[in-house]
């Protein structure tokens, strides 16, 4: 793919992701279930776990394909 088109589609993906994230944030603010202190802590911990697993998998993904 041409470099200009690639950059264009990456920017489109980034901006679209911001719109989705912002919309979900506002929707979750309006639902009482997501605003209790216990649930906020629960989602915080779940988010840390999910982020840690995803980060680990991304960082170590190339090791499977490297020949020793």
Protein backbone atom coordinates (compact mmCIF):
# COMPACT_ATOMS: atom_id res chain seq x y z
CA UNK A 1 0.00 0.00 0.00
CA UNK A 2 1.20 3.48 -0.78
CA UNK A 3 2.63 5.26 2.26
CA UNK A 4 0.22 8.21 2.04
CA UNK A 5 -2.80 5.91 1.94
CA UNK A 6 -1.44 3.88 4.84
CA UNK A 7 -1.00 7.02 6.99
CA UNK A 8 -4.48 8.21 5.98
CA UNK A 9 -6.09 4.95 7.08
CA UNK A 10 -4.12 4.88 10.33
CA UNK A 11 -5.33 8.40 11.14
CA UNK A 12 -8.89 7.39 10.21
CA UNK A 13 -8.63 4.42 12.57
CA UNK A 14 -7.27 6.63 15.36
CA UNK A 15 -9.97 9.30 15.03
CA UNK A 16 -12.74 6.69 14.71
CA UNK A 17 -11.45 4.96 17.85
CA UNK A 18 -11.60 8.24 19.78
CA UNK A 19 -15.25 8.70 18.78
CA UNK A 20 -16.12 5.16 19.86
CA UNK A 21 -14.24 5.52 23.17
CA UNK A 22 -15.88 8.88 23.95
CA UNK A 23 -19.35 7.59 23.13
CA UNK A 24 -18.93 4.50 25.32
CA UNK A 25 -17.59 6.69 28.15
CA UNK A 26 -20.66 8.93 28.05
CA UNK A 27 -23.06 5.97 27.84
CA UNK A 28 -21.36 4.27 30.81
CA UNK A 29 -21.58 7.51 32.83
CA UNK A 30 -25.36 7.49 32.43
CA UNK A 31 -25.85 3.91 33.65
CA UNK A 32 -25.96 3.67 37.44
CA UNK A 33 -24.40 0.19 37.49
CA UNK A 34 -21.09 1.58 36.23
CA UNK A 35 -21.00 4.41 38.77
CA UNK A 36 -20.95 2.54 42.07
CA UNK A 37 -17.62 2.54 43.90
CA UNK A 38 -17.35 -1.25 44.02
CA UNK A 39 -17.97 -1.59 40.29
CA UNK A 40 -15.50 1.19 39.46
CA UNK A 41 -12.78 -0.65 41.40
CA UNK A 42 -13.78 -3.94 39.77
CA UNK A 43 -13.58 -2.46 36.26
CA UNK A 44 -10.27 -0.79 37.16
CA UNK A 45 -8.75 -4.12 38.19
CA UNK A 46 -10.20 -5.90 35.14
CA UNK A 47 -8.77 -3.15 32.93
CA UNK A 48 -5.30 -3.50 34.48
CA UNK A 49 -5.38 -7.28 33.98
CA UNK A 50 -6.57 -7.02 30.36
CA UNK A 51 -4.00 -4.31 29.56
CA UNK A 52 -1.17 -6.28 31.16
CA UNK A 53 -2.04 -9.46 29.24
CA UNK A 54 -2.39 -7.60 25.93
CA UNK A 55 0.88 -5.70 26.47
CA UNK A 56 2.71 -8.91 27.35
CA UNK A 57 1.34 -10.70 24.28
CA UNK A 58 2.27 -7.82 21.97
CA UNK A 59 5.81 -7.48 23.35
CA UNK A 60 6.49 -11.21 23.22
CA UNK A 61 4.62 -12.01 19.98
CA UNK A 62 7.68 -11.88 17.70
CA UNK A 63 9.62 -14.42 19.75
CA UNK A 64 7.53 -17.25 18.28
CA UNK A 65 8.72 -16.40 14.78
CA UNK A 66 12.40 -15.82 15.50
CA UNK A 67 14.65 -18.75 14.55
CA UNK A 68 17.38 -19.46 17.08
